[in-house]
C-alpha atoms as a PDB file:
ATOM      1  CA  MET A   1     157.517 103.738  62.173  1.00  0.00           C
ATOM      2  CA  SER A   2     157.270 100.665  63.546  1.00  0.00           C
ATOM      3  CA  GLN A   3     156.102  97.604  61.203  1.00  0.00           C
ATOM      4  CA  LYS A   4     153.375  96.921  63.760  1.00  0.00           C
ATOM      5  CA  GLU A   5     152.439 100.695  63.129  1.00  0.00           C
ATOM      6  CA  LYS A   6     152.615 100.017  59.471  1.00  0.00           C
ATOM      7  CA  GLU A   7     149.864  97.065  59.595  1.00  0.00           C
ATOM      8  CA  THR A   8     146.544  97.965  58.004  1.00  0.00           C
ATOM      9  CA  ALA A   9     143.186  96.021  58.130  1.00  0.00           C
ATOM     10  CA  PRO A  10     140.090  96.071  55.993  1.00  0.00           C
ATOM     11  CA  PHE A  11     137.167  98.173  57.995  1.00  0.00           C
ATOM     12  CA  GLY A  12     134.173  97.831  55.541  1.00  0.00           C
ATOM     13  CA  PHE A  13     135.860  99.037  52.177  1.00  0.00           C
ATOM     14  CA  ARG A  14     138.078 101.415  53.930  1.00  0.00           C
ATOM     15  CA  THR A  15     141.759 100.548  55.007  1.00  0.00           C
ATOM     16  CA  VAL A  16     142.608 101.505  58.420  1.00  0.00           C
ATOM     17  CA  GLY A  17     145.499 100.981  60.844  1.00  0.00           C
ATOM     18  CA  ALA A  18     145.444  97.196  62.224  1.00  0.00           C
ATOM     19  CA  GLU A  19     145.835  98.695  65.915  1.00  0.00           C
ATOM     20  CA  ALA A  20     142.972 101.302  65.089  1.00  0.00           C
ATOM     21  CA  LYS A  21     140.595  98.452  63.758  1.00  0.00           C
ATOM     22  CA  GLN A  22     139.347  97.310  67.051  1.00  0.00           C
ATOM     23  CA  GLN A  23     138.409 100.436  68.041  1.00  0.00           C
ATOM     24  CA  LEU A  24     136.295 101.297  65.500  1.00  0.00           C
ATOM     25  CA  VAL A  25     134.802  97.569  65.739  1.00  0.00           C
ATOM     26  CA  ASN A  26     134.244  98.513  69.386  1.00  0.00           C
ATOM     27  CA  GLU A  27     132.402 101.616  68.428  1.00  0.00           C
ATOM     28  CA  VAL A  28     130.241 100.455  66.114  1.00  0.00           C
ATOM     29  CA  PHE A  29     128.814  97.424  68.703  1.00  0.00           C
ATOM     30  CA  ALA A  30     128.742  99.696  71.506  1.00  0.00           C
ATOM     31  CA  SER A  31     126.199 102.340  69.720  1.00  0.00           C
ATOM     32  CA  VAL A  32     123.927  99.048  68.689  1.00  0.00           C
ATOM     33  CA  ALA A  33     124.041  96.894  71.537  1.00  0.00           C
ATOM     34  CA  LYS A  34     120.452  97.210  73.054  1.00  0.00           C
ATOM     35  CA  ARG A  35     118.732  96.917  69.613  1.00  0.00           C
ATOM     36  CA  TYR A  36     121.352  94.463  67.914  1.00  0.00           C
ATOM     37  CA  ASP A  37     119.235  91.598  67.835  1.00  0.00           C
ATOM     38  CA  GLN A  38     116.130  93.558  66.866  1.00  0.00           C
ATOM     39  CA  MET A  39     118.112  94.739  64.162  1.00  0.00           C
ATOM     40  CA  ASN A  40     118.988  91.193  62.918  1.00  0.00           C
ATOM     41  CA  ASP A  41     115.438  90.414  62.398  1.00  0.00           C
ATOM     42  CA  LEU A  42     114.769  93.502  60.828  1.00  0.00           C
ATOM     43  CA  MET A  43     117.491  93.089  58.379  1.00  0.00           C
ATOM     44  CA  SER A  44     117.399  89.117  57.928  1.00  0.00           C
ATOM     45  CA  GLY A  45     113.457  88.760  57.895  1.00  0.00           C
ATOM     46  CA  GLY A  46     113.584  86.743  60.803  1.00  0.00           C
ATOM     47  CA  LEU A  47     115.761  83.951  58.829  1.00  0.00           C
ATOM     48  CA  HIS A  48     118.756  84.726  61.604  1.00  0.00           C
ATOM     49  CA  ARG A  49     116.368  82.856  63.619  1.00  0.00           C
ATOM     50  CA  LEU A  50     116.481  79.703  61.547  1.00  0.00           C
ATOM     51  CA  TRP A  51     119.957  80.049  60.656  1.00  0.00           C
ATOM     52  CA  LYS A  52     121.068  80.152  64.266  1.00  0.00           C
ATOM     53  CA  ASP A  53     118.515  76.929  65.079  1.00  0.00           C
ATOM     54  CA  ASP A  54     120.403  75.244  62.520  1.00  0.00           C
ATOM     55  CA  PHE A  55     123.665  76.319  63.646  1.00  0.00           C
ATOM     56  CA  VAL A  56     122.766  74.963  67.263  1.00  0.00           C
ATOM     57  CA  THR A  57     121.595  71.689  65.705  1.00  0.00           C
ATOM     58  CA  MET A  58     124.911  70.836  64.374  1.00  0.00           C
ATOM     59  CA  LEU A  59     126.744  71.636  67.397  1.00  0.00           C
ATOM     60  CA  HIS A  60     124.342  69.147  69.056  1.00  0.00           C
ATOM     61  CA  PRO A  61     124.653  69.561  72.676  1.00  0.00           C
ATOM     62  CA  PRO A  62     124.569  66.291  74.623  1.00  0.00           C
ATOM     63  CA  ARG A  63     120.777  66.274  76.463  1.00  0.00           C
ATOM     64  CA  SER A  64     122.590  64.198  79.374  1.00  0.00           C
ATOM     65  CA  ALA A  65     124.010  65.435  82.442  1.00  0.00           C
ATOM     66  CA  GLN A  66     127.460  64.760  81.080  1.00  0.00           C
ATOM     67  CA  VAL A  67     129.589  68.297  80.966  1.00  0.00           C
ATOM     68  CA  PHE A  68     129.843  70.075  77.667  1.00  0.00           C
ATOM     69  CA  SER A  69     131.550  73.090  78.140  1.00  0.00           C
ATOM     70  CA  VAL A  70     131.090  75.876  75.169  1.00  0.00           C
ATOM     71  CA  LEU A  71     132.973  78.813  74.312  1.00  0.00           C
ATOM     72  CA  ASP A  72     130.801  81.506  72.556  1.00  0.00           C
ATOM     73  CA  VAL A  73     133.097  84.106  70.715  1.00  0.00           C
ATOM     74  CA  ALA A  74     131.775  87.523  69.990  1.00  0.00           C
ATOM     75  CA  GLY A  75     128.321  86.369  71.425  1.00  0.00           C
ATOM     76  CA  GLY A  76     127.508  89.155  73.329  1.00  0.00           C
ATOM     77  CA  THR A  77     123.917  89.732  73.315  1.00  0.00           C
ATOM     78  CA  GLY A  78     123.997  85.736  74.566  1.00  0.00           C
ATOM     79  CA  ASP A  79     121.335  84.761  72.090  1.00  0.00           C
ATOM     80  CA  ILE A  80     123.444  81.697  70.931  1.00  0.00           C
ATOM     81  CA  ALA A  81     124.311  81.032  74.113  1.00  0.00           C
ATOM     82  CA  GLN A  82     120.908  80.753  75.397  1.00  0.00           C
ATOM     83  CA  ARG A  83     120.140  78.423  72.630  1.00  0.00           C
ATOM     84  CA  ILE A  84     122.599  76.035  73.297  1.00  0.00           C
ATOM     85  CA  VAL A  85     121.961  75.899  77.103  1.00  0.00           C
ATOM     86  CA  ARG A  86     118.076  74.924  76.133  1.00  0.00           C
ATOM     87  CA  ALA A  87     119.035  72.563  73.344  1.00  0.00           C
ATOM     88  CA  GLY A  88     121.355  70.643  75.699  1.00  0.00           C
ATOM     89  CA  GLY A  89     121.043  68.916  79.209  1.00  0.00           C
ATOM     90  CA  PRO A  90     121.722  70.447  82.712  1.00  0.00           C
ATOM     91  CA  GLY A  91     125.472  69.379  81.877  1.00  0.00           C
ATOM     92  CA  THR A  92     125.613  72.306  79.138  1.00  0.00           C
ATOM     93  CA  ARG A  93     127.360  75.266  80.075  1.00  0.00           C
ATOM     94  CA  VAL A  94     128.109  78.234  78.029  1.00  0.00           C
ATOM     95  CA  THR A  95     131.040  80.662  78.399  1.00  0.00           C
ATOM     96  CA  VAL A  96     130.427  83.821  76.326  1.00  0.00           C
ATOM     97  CA  ALA A  97     133.152  85.964  75.123  1.00  0.00           C
ATOM     98  CA  ASP A  98     132.654  89.206  73.687  1.00  0.00           C
ATOM     99  CA  ILE A  99     135.300  92.579  73.157  1.00  0.00           C
ATOM    100  CA  SER A 100     132.400  95.178  73.629  1.00  0.00           C
ATOM    101  CA  PRO A 101     131.527  95.522  77.531  1.00  0.00           C
ATOM    102  CA  GLU A 102     128.106  96.743  76.037  1.00  0.00           C
ATOM    103  CA  MET A 103     127.013  93.898  74.158  1.00  0.00           C
ATOM    104  CA  ILE A 104     128.006  91.757  77.329  1.00  0.00           C
ATOM    105  CA  ALA A 105     126.194  94.216  79.382  1.00  0.00           C
ATOM    106  CA  GLU A 106     123.373  93.434  77.348  1.00  0.00           C
ATOM    107  CA  GLY A 107     124.268  89.832  77.542  1.00  0.00           C
ATOM    108  CA  ARG A 108     123.740  89.489  81.405  1.00  0.00           C
ATOM    109  CA  ARG A 109     120.641  91.485  81.558  1.00  0.00           C
ATOM    110  CA  ARG A 110     119.001  88.664  79.167  1.00  0.00           C
ATOM    111  CA  ALA A 111     120.541  85.777  80.833  1.00  0.00           C
ATOM    112  CA  ALA A 112     119.413  87.258  84.402  1.00  0.00           C
ATOM    113  CA  ALA A 113     115.901  88.027  82.560  1.00  0.00           C
ATOM    114  CA  GLU A 114     115.331  84.477  81.547  1.00  0.00           C
ATOM    115  CA  HIS A 115     116.906  82.940  84.609  1.00  0.00           C
ATOM    116  CA  LEU A 116     120.019  81.248  82.784  1.00  0.00           C
ATOM    117  CA  THR A 117     122.728  82.676  84.635  1.00  0.00           C
ATOM    118  CA  ALA A 118     123.848  79.617  86.487  1.00  0.00           C
ATOM    119  CA  ARG A 119     124.375  78.253  83.026  1.00  0.00           C
ATOM    120  CA  ILE A 120     125.931  80.712  81.046  1.00  0.00           C
ATOM    121  CA  ASP A 121     128.703  83.013  82.277  1.00  0.00           C
ATOM    122  CA  PHE A 122     129.993  86.474  80.473  1.00  0.00           C
ATOM    123  CA  THR A 123     133.547  88.183  79.999  1.00  0.00           C
ATOM    124  CA  VAL A 124     134.821  90.638  78.360  1.00  0.00           C
ATOM    125  CA  ALA A 125     137.801  89.431  75.813  1.00  0.00           C
ATOM    126  CA  ASN A 126     139.482  89.714  72.925  1.00  0.00           C
ATOM    127  CA  ALA A 127     139.007  86.952  70.251  1.00  0.00           C
ATOM    128  CA  GLU A 128     142.561  87.070  69.277  1.00  0.00           C
ATOM    129  CA  ALA A 129     144.039  86.585  73.142  1.00  0.00           C
ATOM    130  CA  LEU A 130     141.637  84.584  75.014  1.00  0.00           C
ATOM    131  CA  PRO A 131     141.765  84.933  78.414  1.00  0.00           C
ATOM    132  CA  PHE A 132     141.524  80.364  79.081  1.00  0.00           C
ATOM    133  CA  ALA A 133     143.999  77.877  79.473  1.00  0.00           C
ATOM    134  CA  GLU A 134     144.551  75.523  76.799  1.00  0.00           C
ATOM    135  CA  ARG A 135     142.183  72.011  75.750  1.00  0.00           C
ATOM    136  CA  SER A 136     139.252  74.130  77.923  1.00  0.00           C
ATOM    137  CA  PHE A 137     136.318  72.992  75.766  1.00  0.00           C
ATOM    138  CA  ASP A 138     134.362  70.625  74.063  1.00  0.00           C
ATOM    139  CA  ALA A 139     133.128  73.301  71.224  1.00  0.00           C
ATOM    140  CA  TYR A 140     133.989  76.621  70.196  1.00  0.00           C
ATOM    141  CA  THR A 141     131.334  78.619  68.913  1.00  0.00           C
ATOM    142  CA  ILE A 142     131.312  82.058  67.144  1.00  0.00           C
ATOM    143  CA  ALA A 143     128.295  83.502  65.054  1.00  0.00           C
ATOM    144  CA  PHE A 144     128.784  86.679  62.857  1.00  0.00           C
ATOM    145  CA  GLY A 145     131.785  87.830  64.813  1.00  0.00           C
ATOM    146  CA  ILE A 146     134.903  86.568  63.015  1.00  0.00           C
ATOM    147  CA  ARG A 147     134.869  88.962  60.235  1.00  0.00           C
ATOM    148  CA  ASN A 148     135.050  91.943  62.864  1.00  0.00           C
ATOM    149  CA  VAL A 149     138.193  90.679  64.223  1.00  0.00           C
ATOM    150  CA  THR A 150     141.341  92.109  63.380  1.00  0.00           C
ATOM    151  CA  HIS A 151     143.762  89.017  62.379  1.00  0.00           C
ATOM    152  CA  ILE A 152     141.236  86.120  61.459  1.00  0.00           C
ATOM    153  CA  ASP A 153     144.360  84.057  61.373  1.00  0.00           C
ATOM    154  CA  THR A 154     145.168  84.982  64.916  1.00  0.00           C
ATOM    155  CA  ALA A 155     141.520  84.334  66.505  1.00  0.00           C
ATOM    156  CA  LEU A 156     141.149  80.684  64.341  1.00  0.00           C
ATOM    157  CA  ALA A 157     144.732  80.328  66.144  1.00  0.00           C
ATOM    158  CA  GLU A 158     143.143  81.141  69.745  1.00  0.00           C
ATOM    159  CA  ALA A 159     140.197  78.746  68.842  1.00  0.00           C
ATOM    160  CA  TRP A 160     142.129  75.555  68.149  1.00  0.00           C
ATOM    161  CA  ARG A 161     144.088  76.272  71.302  1.00  0.00           C
ATOM    162  CA  VAL A 162     141.241  76.376  73.930  1.00  0.00           C
ATOM    163  CA  LEU A 163     139.436  73.219  72.500  1.00  0.00           C
ATOM    164  CA  LYS A 164     139.860  69.867  73.890  1.00  0.00           C
ATOM    165  CA  PRO A 165     141.480  67.054  71.644  1.00  0.00           C
ATOM    166  CA  GLY A 166     137.873  66.248  69.862  1.00  0.00           C
ATOM    167  CA  GLY A 167     136.415  69.196  70.469  1.00  0.00           C
ATOM    168  CA  ARG A 168     134.364  70.879  67.243  1.00  0.00           C
ATOM    169  CA  PHE A 169     134.920  74.578  65.858  1.00  0.00           C
ATOM    170  CA  LEU A 170     131.792  75.813  64.437  1.00  0.00           C
ATOM    171  CA  CYS A 171     131.087  79.373  62.710  1.00  0.00           C
ATOM    172  CA  LEU A 172     128.108  80.866  61.324  1.00  0.00           C
ATOM    173  CA  GLU A 173     129.140  84.232  59.120  1.00  0.00           C
ATOM    174  CA  PHE A 174     127.459  86.029  56.062  1.00  0.00           C
ATOM    175  CA  SER A 175     129.067  84.364  52.943  1.00  0.00           C
ATOM    176  CA  GLN A 176     129.581  85.508  49.181  1.00  0.00           C
ATOM    177  CA  VAL A 177     125.823  85.107  47.517  1.00  0.00           C
ATOM    178  CA  ASP A 178     126.889  83.913  43.626  1.00  0.00           C
ATOM    179  CA  VAL A 179     123.246  83.738  42.244  1.00  0.00           C
ATOM    180  CA  PRO A 180     123.399  86.357  39.820  1.00  0.00           C
ATOM    181  CA  GLY A 181     119.994  88.192  39.986  1.00  0.00           C
ATOM    182  CA  ILE A 182     119.692  87.194  43.632  1.00  0.00           C
ATOM    183  CA  LYS A 183     123.054  88.845  44.225  1.00  0.00           C
ATOM    184  CA  ALA A 184     122.185  92.073  42.843  1.00  0.00           C
ATOM    185  CA  LEU A 185     118.921  92.511  44.678  1.00  0.00           C
ATOM    186  CA  TYR A 186     120.834  91.091  47.824  1.00  0.00           C
ATOM    187  CA  ASP A 187     123.680  94.103  47.118  1.00  0.00           C
ATOM    188  CA  LEU A 188     120.697  96.877  46.796  1.00  0.00           C
ATOM    189  CA  TYR A 189     119.126  95.899  49.909  1.00  0.00           C
ATOM    190  CA  SER A 190     122.236  95.827  52.066  1.00  0.00           C
ATOM    191  CA  PHE A 191     123.608  99.327  50.876  1.00  0.00           C
ATOM    192  CA  THR A 192     120.305 101.147  50.723  1.00  0.00           C
ATOM    193  CA  ALA A 193     117.289  99.856  53.153  1.00  0.00           C
ATOM    194  CA  ILE A 194     119.838  98.188  55.744  1.00  0.00           C
ATOM    195  CA  PRO A 195     121.402 101.527  56.775  1.00  0.00           C
ATOM    196  CA  ALA A 196     118.501 103.465  56.420  1.00  0.00           C
ATOM    197  CA  VAL A 197     116.261 100.984  58.949  1.00  0.00           C
ATOM    198  CA  GLY A 198     119.701 100.918  61.210  1.00  0.00           C
ATOM    199  CA  LYS A 199     119.246 104.758  61.322  1.00  0.00           C
ATOM    200  CA  VAL A 200     115.683 104.502  62.273  1.00  0.00           C
ATOM    201  CA  VAL A 201     116.002 102.299  64.755  1.00  0.00           C
ATOM    202  CA  THR A 202     119.244 102.278  66.644  1.00  0.00           C
ATOM    203  CA  GLY A 203     120.252 105.844  65.366  1.00  0.00           C
ATOM    204  CA  ASP A 204     123.224 105.046  63.430  1.00  0.00           C
ATOM    205  CA  GLY A 205     122.850 103.970  59.831  1.00  0.00           C
ATOM    206  CA  ALA A 206     126.949 104.145  59.212  1.00  0.00           C
ATOM    207  CA  ALA A 207     127.354 101.491  61.621  1.00  0.00           C
ATOM    208  CA  TYR A 208     124.922  99.237  59.097  1.00  0.00           C
ATOM    209  CA  ARG A 209     126.880 100.276  56.603  1.00  0.00           C
ATOM    210  CA  TYR A 210     129.873  98.860  57.858  1.00  0.00           C
ATOM    211  CA  LEU A 211     128.507  95.575  58.733  1.00  0.00           C
ATOM    212  CA  ALA A 212     127.441  95.417  55.175  1.00  0.00           C
ATOM    213  CA  GLU A 213     130.612  96.329  53.657  1.00  0.00           C
ATOM    214  CA  SER A 214     132.447  94.030  55.970  1.00  0.00           C
ATOM    215  CA  ILE A 215     130.062  91.263  54.221  1.00  0.00           C
ATOM    216  CA  ARG A 216     131.880  91.765  51.071  1.00  0.00           C
ATOM    217  CA  THR A 217     135.074  91.921  52.388  1.00  0.00           C
ATOM    218  CA  PHE A 218     134.914  88.540  54.213  1.00  0.00           C
ATOM    219  CA  PRO A 219     136.660  85.850  52.372  1.00  0.00           C
ATOM    220  CA  ASP A 220     134.351  83.387  50.607  1.00  0.00           C
ATOM    221  CA  ALA A 221     133.186  79.954  52.083  1.00  0.00           C
ATOM    222  CA  ALA A 222     136.446  78.176  50.207  1.00  0.00           C
ATOM    223  CA  ARG A 223     138.961  80.706  51.271  1.00  0.00           C
ATOM    224  CA  PHE A 224     137.462  80.784  55.143  1.00  0.00           C
ATOM    225  CA  SER A 225     137.451  76.913  55.013  1.00  0.00           C
ATOM    226  CA  ALA A 226     141.440  76.860  53.965  1.00  0.00           C
ATOM    227  CA  MET A 227     141.836  79.103  56.524  1.00  0.00           C
ATOM    228  CA  ILE A 228     140.544  77.167  59.060  1.00  0.00           C
ATOM    229  CA  GLU A 229     142.525  74.219  57.728  1.00  0.00           C
ATOM    230  CA  VAL A 230     146.009  76.115  58.299  1.00  0.00           C
ATOM    231  CA  ALA A 231     144.994  76.926  61.515  1.00  0.00           C
ATOM    232  CA  GLY A 232     145.235  72.687  62.508  1.00  0.00           C
ATOM    233  CA  PHE A 233     141.498  71.811  62.142  1.00  0.00           C
ATOM    234  CA  ARG A 234     140.802  68.571  60.957  1.00  0.00           C
ATOM    235  CA  CYS A 235     137.686  67.496  58.690  1.00  0.00           C
ATOM    236  CA  VAL A 236     137.014  70.896  57.881  1.00  0.00           C
ATOM    237  CA  SER A 237     133.694  71.261  55.891  1.00  0.00           C
ATOM    238  CA  HIS A 238     130.804  74.021  55.092  1.00  0.00           C
ATOM    239  CA  ARG A 239     127.150  74.253  54.475  1.00  0.00           C
ATOM    240  CA  MET A 240     125.856  77.282  52.623  1.00  0.00           C
ATOM    241  CA  LEU A 241     122.276  78.535  53.567  1.00  0.00           C
ATOM    242  CA  THR A 242     119.779  80.515  51.595  1.00  0.00           C
ATOM    243  CA  GLY A 243     121.660  81.063  48.436  1.00  0.00           C
ATOM    244  CA  GLY A 244     124.830  81.708  49.672  1.00  0.00           C
ATOM    245  CA  VAL A 245     124.177  84.761  52.099  1.00  0.00           C
ATOM    246  CA  VAL A 246     125.489  82.583  54.971  1.00  0.00           C
ATOM    247  CA  ALA A 247     127.423  79.474  55.630  1.00  0.00           C
ATOM    248  CA  ILE A 248     128.080  77.523  58.660  1.00  0.00           C
ATOM    249  CA  HIS A 249     131.699  76.286  58.990  1.00  0.00           C
ATOM    250  CA  SER A 250     132.615  72.889  60.991  1.00  0.00           C
ATOM    251  CA  GLY A 251     135.970  71.822  62.223  1.00  0.00           C
ATOM    252  CA  TRP A 252     137.733  69.850  64.569  1.00  0.00           C
ATOM    253  CA  ARG A 253     140.804  69.609  66.747  1.00  0.00           C
ATOM    254  CA  ILE A 254     142.349  66.065  66.519  1.00  0.00           C
END
């Protein structure tokens, strides 16, 4: 057995072969693509909309006609991309890259319905091996996707590579609730209610149990910030939202 074949990665609370993880993640998102954003509303009580609004406000796309190119990774349904182009001026363009063909298909459908195809492009791509040239984008965004990649350090290195000098990295991701009373309720809700609702709405409760587990195995905000710095980003910071349920991470390619 080669060293590569011996590598493992977390898939929720399970440990699987690193090469197998991506396919397992792909299967999760293929099964929930059409109801993904609806489930986000149900799971968060609509809070994900406020988190994403804060996220795009931090990005602050220019309102002018100047070209502002954004790469939105793991953004298949186009939810973040649509928010960015609506917040920015006519020069704002977003390229959505997602490894799931099903999520990308859903994103294309929604962009067409909103008449935004001239400003949003979609491509099937792996966050660990992006098909874009170095220094291509003014900003890199990723929302609720980084924890699903197999090698987070590789994805961060790719983010740094495709950004122009002066470009910004922004990541919205679940974090670790550290308020004792809230944590207990959050855990109970995550491992009972969310998989049950997921089963009813999407037909796949196991996918949502994985998503709950993946949050618990993802590094806390301080450790993830340290990983962003190791990848080469500077002026790294993070802001906690909703008692630590999520965090917005920021860094710059200098």
